[in-house]
PDB file of all heavy atoms in Angstrom:
ATOM      1  N   GLY A   1     -20.545  19.173  -1.155  1.00  0.00           N
ATOM      2  CA  GLY A   1     -19.707  19.736  -0.093  1.00  0.00           C
ATOM      3  C   GLY A   1     -18.198  19.149  -0.131  1.00  0.00           C
ATOM      4  O   GLY A   1     -17.774  18.729   0.962  1.00  0.00           O
ATOM      5  N   ALA A   2     -17.566  19.116  -1.197  1.00  0.00           N
ATOM      6  CA  ALA A   2     -16.272  18.501  -1.358  1.00  0.00           C
ATOM      7  C   ALA A   2     -15.239  19.139  -0.536  1.00  0.00           C
ATOM      8  O   ALA A   2     -14.385  18.417   0.019  1.00  0.00           O
ATOM      9  CB  ALA A   2     -15.872  18.566  -2.826  1.00  0.00           C
ATOM     10  N   VAL A   3     -15.184  20.451  -0.440  1.00  0.00           N
ATOM     11  CA  VAL A   3     -14.165  21.149   0.360  1.00  0.00           C
ATOM     12  C   VAL A   3     -14.291  20.764   1.804  1.00  0.00           C
ATOM     13  O   VAL A   3     -13.309  20.426   2.539  1.00  0.00           O
ATOM     14  CB  VAL A   3     -14.147  22.633   0.151  1.00  0.00           C
ATOM     15  CG1 VAL A   3     -13.217  23.377   1.080  1.00  0.00           C
ATOM     16  CG2 VAL A   3     -13.794  23.001  -1.373  1.00  0.00           C
ATOM     17  N   ASN A   4     -15.524  20.762   2.359  1.00  0.00           N
ATOM     18  CA  ASN A   4     -15.717  20.461   3.776  1.00  0.00           C
ATOM     19  C   ASN A   4     -15.408  18.998   3.975  1.00  0.00           C
ATOM     20  O   ASN A   4     -14.868  18.653   5.068  1.00  0.00           O
ATOM     21  CB  ASN A   4     -17.080  20.774   4.248  1.00  0.00           C
ATOM     22  CG  ASN A   4     -17.195  22.230   4.734  1.00  0.00           C
ATOM     23  OD1 ASN A   4     -16.172  22.872   4.905  1.00  0.00           O
ATOM     24  ND2 ASN A   4     -18.427  22.695   5.052  1.00  0.00           N
ATOM     25  N   ALA A   5     -15.643  18.143   3.059  1.00  0.00           N
ATOM     26  CA  ALA A   5     -15.328  16.717   3.160  1.00  0.00           C
ATOM     27  C   ALA A   5     -13.820  16.507   3.249  1.00  0.00           C
ATOM     28  O   ALA A   5     -13.292  15.837   4.092  1.00  0.00           O
ATOM     29  CB  ALA A   5     -15.832  15.879   2.052  1.00  0.00           C
ATOM     30  N   ALA A   6     -13.084  17.275   2.470  1.00  0.00           N
ATOM     31  CA  ALA A   6     -11.639  17.219   2.471  1.00  0.00           C
ATOM     32  C   ALA A   6     -11.087  17.719   3.854  1.00  0.00           C
ATOM     33  O   ALA A   6     -10.251  17.134   4.506  1.00  0.00           O
ATOM     34  CB  ALA A   6     -11.019  18.043   1.353  1.00  0.00           C
ATOM     35  N   LEU A   7     -11.625  18.883   4.304  1.00  0.00           N
ATOM     36  CA  LEU A   7     -11.170  19.458   5.613  1.00  0.00           C
ATOM     37  C   LEU A   7     -11.558  18.510   6.784  1.00  0.00           C
ATOM     38  O   LEU A   7     -10.745  18.302   7.706  1.00  0.00           O
ATOM     39  CB  LEU A   7     -11.807  20.880   5.753  1.00  0.00           C
ATOM     40  CG  LEU A   7     -11.236  21.840   4.803  1.00  0.00           C
ATOM     41  CD1 LEU A   7     -11.977  23.148   4.962  1.00  0.00           C
ATOM     42  CD2 LEU A   7      -9.724  22.089   4.938  1.00  0.00           C
ATOM     43  N   LEU A   8     -12.733  17.939   6.778  1.00  0.00           N
ATOM     44  CA  LEU A   8     -13.138  17.076   7.768  1.00  0.00           C
ATOM     45  C   LEU A   8     -12.181  15.808   7.737  1.00  0.00           C
ATOM     46  O   LEU A   8     -11.870  15.251   8.840  1.00  0.00           O
ATOM     47  CB  LEU A   8     -14.650  16.596   7.593  1.00  0.00           C
ATOM     48  CG  LEU A   8     -15.147  15.635   8.632  1.00  0.00           C
ATOM     49  CD1 LEU A   8     -15.080  16.171  10.022  1.00  0.00           C
ATOM     50  CD2 LEU A   8     -16.624  15.314   8.312  1.00  0.00           C
ATOM     51  N   SER A   9     -11.843  15.270   6.623  1.00  0.00           N
ATOM     52  CA  SER A   9     -10.957  14.147   6.578  1.00  0.00           C
ATOM     53  C   SER A   9      -9.576  14.492   7.216  1.00  0.00           C
ATOM     54  O   SER A   9      -9.048  13.597   7.985  1.00  0.00           O
ATOM     55  CB  SER A   9     -10.832  13.647   5.102  1.00  0.00           C
ATOM     56  OG  SER A   9     -10.040  14.582   4.314  1.00  0.00           O
ATOM     57  N   VAL A  10      -9.071  15.645   6.979  1.00  0.00           N
ATOM     58  CA  VAL A  10      -7.864  16.097   7.581  1.00  0.00           C
ATOM     59  C   VAL A  10      -8.031  16.147   9.044  1.00  0.00           C
ATOM     60  O   VAL A  10      -7.134  15.858   9.870  1.00  0.00           O
ATOM     61  CB  VAL A  10      -7.282  17.315   6.843  1.00  0.00           C
ATOM     62  CG1 VAL A  10      -5.972  17.782   7.569  1.00  0.00           C
ATOM     63  CG2 VAL A  10      -7.097  17.095   5.375  1.00  0.00           C
ATOM     64  N   GLN A  11      -9.123  16.752   9.513  1.00  0.00           N
ATOM     65  CA  GLN A  11      -9.418  16.908  10.926  1.00  0.00           C
ATOM     66  C   GLN A  11      -9.421  15.556  11.590  1.00  0.00           C
ATOM     67  O   GLN A  11      -8.920  15.326  12.704  1.00  0.00           O
ATOM     68  CB  GLN A  11     -10.790  17.548  11.189  1.00  0.00           C
ATOM     69  CG  GLN A  11     -10.694  19.106  10.961  1.00  0.00           C
ATOM     70  CD  GLN A  11     -12.083  19.721  11.225  1.00  0.00           C
ATOM     71  OE1 GLN A  11     -13.098  19.292  10.638  1.00  0.00           O
ATOM     72  NE2 GLN A  11     -12.073  20.730  12.072  1.00  0.00           N
ATOM     73  N   MET A  12      -9.954  14.553  10.956  1.00  0.00           N
ATOM     74  CA  MET A  12      -9.953  13.155  11.475  1.00  0.00           C
ATOM     75  C   MET A  12      -8.537  12.676  11.641  1.00  0.00           C
ATOM     76  O   MET A  12      -8.232  12.054  12.645  1.00  0.00           O
ATOM     77  CB  MET A  12     -10.845  12.215  10.637  1.00  0.00           C
ATOM     78  CG  MET A  12     -12.296  12.531  10.719  1.00  0.00           C
ATOM     79  SD  MET A  12     -13.225  11.546   9.459  1.00  0.00           S
ATOM     80  CE  MET A  12     -14.854  11.904   9.898  1.00  0.00           C
ATOM     81  N   LEU A  13      -7.700  12.891  10.647  1.00  0.00           N
ATOM     82  CA  LEU A  13      -6.305  12.453  10.739  1.00  0.00           C
ATOM     83  C   LEU A  13      -5.653  13.175  11.841  1.00  0.00           C
ATOM     84  O   LEU A  13      -4.747  12.690  12.500  1.00  0.00           O
ATOM     85  CB  LEU A  13      -5.581  12.705   9.396  1.00  0.00           C
ATOM     86  CG  LEU A  13      -6.031  11.882   8.237  1.00  0.00           C
ATOM     87  CD1 LEU A  13      -5.181  12.261   7.039  1.00  0.00           C
ATOM     88  CD2 LEU A  13      -5.883  10.374   8.432  1.00  0.00           C
ATOM     89  N   ALA A  14      -5.979  14.575  11.987  1.00  0.00           N
ATOM     90  CA  ALA A  14      -5.332  15.404  13.030  1.00  0.00           C
ATOM     91  C   ALA A  14      -5.519  14.978  14.477  1.00  0.00           C
ATOM     92  O   ALA A  14      -4.754  15.474  15.370  1.00  0.00           O
ATOM     93  CB  ALA A  14      -5.707  16.786  12.760  1.00  0.00           C
ATOM     94  N   ILE A  15      -6.460  14.076  14.731  1.00  0.00           N
ATOM     95  CA  ILE A  15      -6.703  13.636  16.072  1.00  0.00           C
ATOM     96  C   ILE A  15      -5.315  13.053  16.613  1.00  0.00           C
ATOM     97  O   ILE A  15      -5.059  13.261  17.765  1.00  0.00           O
ATOM     98  CB  ILE A  15      -7.750  12.524  16.113  1.00  0.00           C
ATOM     99  CG1 ILE A  15      -9.162  13.265  15.846  1.00  0.00           C
ATOM    100  CG2 ILE A  15      -7.805  11.913  17.535  1.00  0.00           C
ATOM    101  CD1 ILE A  15     -10.253  12.262  15.596  1.00  0.00           C
ATOM    102  N   GLU A  16      -4.606  12.291  15.704  1.00  0.00           N
ATOM    103  CA  GLU A  16      -3.431  11.729  16.168  1.00  0.00           C
ATOM    104  C   GLU A  16      -2.182  12.123  15.367  1.00  0.00           C
ATOM    105  O   GLU A  16      -1.083  11.601  15.572  1.00  0.00           O
ATOM    106  CB  GLU A  16      -3.476  10.135  16.167  1.00  0.00           C
ATOM    107  CG  GLU A  16      -4.554   9.682  17.188  1.00  0.00           C
ATOM    108  CD  GLU A  16      -4.514   8.144  17.289  1.00  0.00           C
ATOM    109  OE1 GLU A  16      -3.581   7.493  16.700  1.00  0.00           O
ATOM    110  OE2 GLU A  16      -5.369   7.603  17.990  1.00  0.00           O
ATOM    111  N   ASP A  17      -2.408  13.082  14.482  1.00  0.00           N
ATOM    112  CA  ASP A  17      -1.196  13.542  13.522  1.00  0.00           C
ATOM    113  C   ASP A  17      -1.010  14.992  13.719  1.00  0.00           C
ATOM    114  O   ASP A  17      -1.830  15.792  13.188  1.00  0.00           O
ATOM    115  CB  ASP A  17      -1.614  13.065  12.136  1.00  0.00           C
ATOM    116  CG  ASP A  17      -0.411  13.266  11.121  1.00  0.00           C
ATOM    117  OD1 ASP A  17       0.226  14.258  11.308  1.00  0.00           O
ATOM    118  OD2 ASP A  17      -0.291  12.434  10.189  1.00  0.00           O
ATOM    119  N   GLU A  18       0.055  15.324  14.405  1.00  0.00           N
ATOM    120  CA  GLU A  18       0.409  16.720  14.626  1.00  0.00           C
ATOM    121  C   GLU A  18       0.717  17.482  13.308  1.00  0.00           C
ATOM    122  O   GLU A  18       0.445  18.636  13.278  1.00  0.00           O
ATOM    123  CB  GLU A  18       1.563  16.853  15.626  1.00  0.00           C
ATOM    124  CG  GLU A  18       1.277  16.465  16.961  1.00  0.00           C
ATOM    125  CD  GLU A  18       0.195  17.283  17.577  1.00  0.00           C
ATOM    126  OE1 GLU A  18       0.145  18.506  17.386  1.00  0.00           O
ATOM    127  OE2 GLU A  18      -0.659  16.694  18.333  1.00  0.00           O
ATOM    128  N   GLU A  19       1.232  16.815  12.340  1.00  0.00           N
ATOM    129  CA  GLU A  19       1.458  17.483  11.054  1.00  0.00           C
ATOM    130  C   GLU A  19       0.145  17.912  10.354  1.00  0.00           C
ATOM    131  O   GLU A  19       0.075  18.952   9.836  1.00  0.00           O
ATOM    132  CB  GLU A  19       2.244  16.508  10.144  1.00  0.00           C
ATOM    133  CG  GLU A  19       2.622  17.073   8.762  1.00  0.00           C
ATOM    134  CD  GLU A  19       3.280  16.177   7.857  1.00  0.00           C
ATOM    135  OE1 GLU A  19       3.651  14.999   8.230  1.00  0.00           O
ATOM    136  OE2 GLU A  19       3.597  16.632   6.734  1.00  0.00           O
ATOM    137  N   ALA A  20      -0.827  16.986  10.420  1.00  0.00           N
ATOM    138  CA  ALA A  20      -2.151  17.340   9.906  1.00  0.00           C
ATOM    139  C   ALA A  20      -2.765  18.417  10.692  1.00  0.00           C
ATOM    140  O   ALA A  20      -3.370  19.353  10.101  1.00  0.00           O
ATOM    141  CB  ALA A  20      -3.130  16.101   9.964  1.00  0.00           C
ATOM    142  N   ALA A  21      -2.635  18.460  12.005  1.00  0.00           N
ATOM    143  CA  ALA A  21      -3.171  19.438  12.811  1.00  0.00           C
ATOM    144  C   ALA A  21      -2.522  20.872  12.491  1.00  0.00           C
ATOM    145  O   ALA A  21      -3.247  21.882  12.442  1.00  0.00           O
ATOM    146  CB  ALA A  21      -2.940  19.236  14.302  1.00  0.00           C
ATOM    147  N   ALA A  22      -1.206  20.918  12.267  1.00  0.00           N
ATOM    148  CA  ALA A  22      -0.544  22.181  11.906  1.00  0.00           C
ATOM    149  C   ALA A  22      -1.042  22.624  10.483  1.00  0.00           C
ATOM    150  O   ALA A  22      -1.216  23.832  10.303  1.00  0.00           O
ATOM    151  CB  ALA A  22       0.944  21.839  11.882  1.00  0.00           C
ATOM    152  N   LYS A  23      -1.271  21.717   9.615  1.00  0.00           N
ATOM    153  CA  LYS A  23      -1.717  22.149   8.258  1.00  0.00           C
ATOM    154  C   LYS A  23      -3.153  22.710   8.396  1.00  0.00           C
ATOM    155  O   LYS A  23      -3.424  23.709   7.714  1.00  0.00           O
ATOM    156  CB  LYS A  23      -1.724  20.916   7.309  1.00  0.00           C
ATOM    157  CG  LYS A  23      -0.303  20.469   6.961  1.00  0.00           C
ATOM    158  CD  LYS A  23      -0.331  19.295   6.076  1.00  0.00           C
ATOM    159  CE  LYS A  23       1.127  18.872   5.874  1.00  0.00           C
ATOM    160  NZ  LYS A  23       1.429  18.468   4.507  1.00  0.00           N
ATOM    161  N   LEU A  24      -3.937  22.194   9.194  1.00  0.00           N
ATOM    162  CA  LEU A  24      -5.296  22.702   9.364  1.00  0.00           C
ATOM    163  C   LEU A  24      -5.197  24.137  10.027  1.00  0.00           C
ATOM    164  O   LEU A  24      -5.899  25.028   9.604  1.00  0.00           O
ATOM    165  CB  LEU A  24      -6.086  21.890  10.302  1.00  0.00           C
ATOM    166  CG  LEU A  24      -6.737  20.647   9.682  1.00  0.00           C
ATOM    167  CD1 LEU A  24      -7.326  19.602  10.739  1.00  0.00           C
ATOM    168  CD2 LEU A  24      -7.901  20.964   8.693  1.00  0.00           C
ATOM    169  N   ALA A  25      -4.335  24.274  11.072  1.00  0.00           N
ATOM    170  CA  ALA A  25      -4.246  25.621  11.718  1.00  0.00           C
ATOM    171  C   ALA A  25      -3.741  26.542  10.671  1.00  0.00           C
ATOM    172  O   ALA A  25      -4.278  27.725  10.657  1.00  0.00           O
ATOM    173  CB  ALA A  25      -3.277  25.511  12.885  1.00  0.00           C
ATOM    174  N   LYS A  26      -2.762  26.205   9.892  1.00  0.00           N
ATOM    175  CA  LYS A  26      -2.211  27.151   8.874  1.00  0.00           C
ATOM    176  C   LYS A  26      -3.312  27.582   7.912  1.00  0.00           C
ATOM    177  O   LYS A  26      -3.495  28.729   7.536  1.00  0.00           O
ATOM    178  CB  LYS A  26      -1.100  26.562   8.048  1.00  0.00           C
ATOM    179  CG  LYS A  26      -0.499  27.405   7.071  1.00  0.00           C
ATOM    180  CD  LYS A  26       0.655  26.716   6.304  1.00  0.00           C
ATOM    181  CE  LYS A  26       1.291  27.613   5.371  1.00  0.00           C
ATOM    182  NZ  LYS A  26       1.569  27.010   4.068  1.00  0.00           N
ATOM    183  N   LYS A  27      -4.132  26.563   7.427  1.00  0.00           N
ATOM    184  CA  LYS A  27      -5.264  26.794   6.461  1.00  0.00           C
ATOM    185  C   LYS A  27      -6.277  27.820   7.099  1.00  0.00           C
ATOM    186  O   LYS A  27      -6.766  28.759   6.448  1.00  0.00           O
ATOM    187  CB  LYS A  27      -5.939  25.528   5.997  1.00  0.00           C
ATOM    188  CG  LYS A  27      -7.108  25.781   5.165  1.00  0.00           C
ATOM    189  CD  LYS A  27      -7.101  25.171   3.913  1.00  0.00           C
ATOM    190  CE  LYS A  27      -8.394  25.303   3.117  1.00  0.00           C
ATOM    191  NZ  LYS A  27      -8.670  26.636   2.549  1.00  0.00           N
ATOM    192  N   ARG A  28      -6.663  27.549   8.380  1.00  0.00           N
ATOM    193  CA  ARG A  28      -7.621  28.389   9.009  1.00  0.00           C
ATOM    194  C   ARG A  28      -7.120  29.850   9.197  1.00  0.00           C
ATOM    195  O   ARG A  28      -7.814  30.828   8.877  1.00  0.00           O
ATOM    196  CB  ARG A  28      -7.947  27.889  10.412  1.00  0.00           C
ATOM    197  CG  ARG A  28      -8.762  26.563  10.403  1.00  0.00           C
ATOM    198  CD  ARG A  28     -10.135  26.726  10.875  1.00  0.00           C
ATOM    199  NE  ARG A  28     -10.821  25.524  10.787  1.00  0.00           N
ATOM    200  CZ  ARG A  28     -11.503  24.941  11.752  1.00  0.00           C
ATOM    201  NH1 ARG A  28     -11.443  25.448  12.969  1.00  0.00           N
ATOM    202  NH2 ARG A  28     -12.172  23.798  11.602  1.00  0.00           N
TER     203      ARG A  28
END
């Protein structure tokens, strides 16, 4: 499950990082 591991890691960073949160929103 490499892709989900990568996305989960970015979600963890996004807790306090707005740039990471924006990247996740764009990907979704």
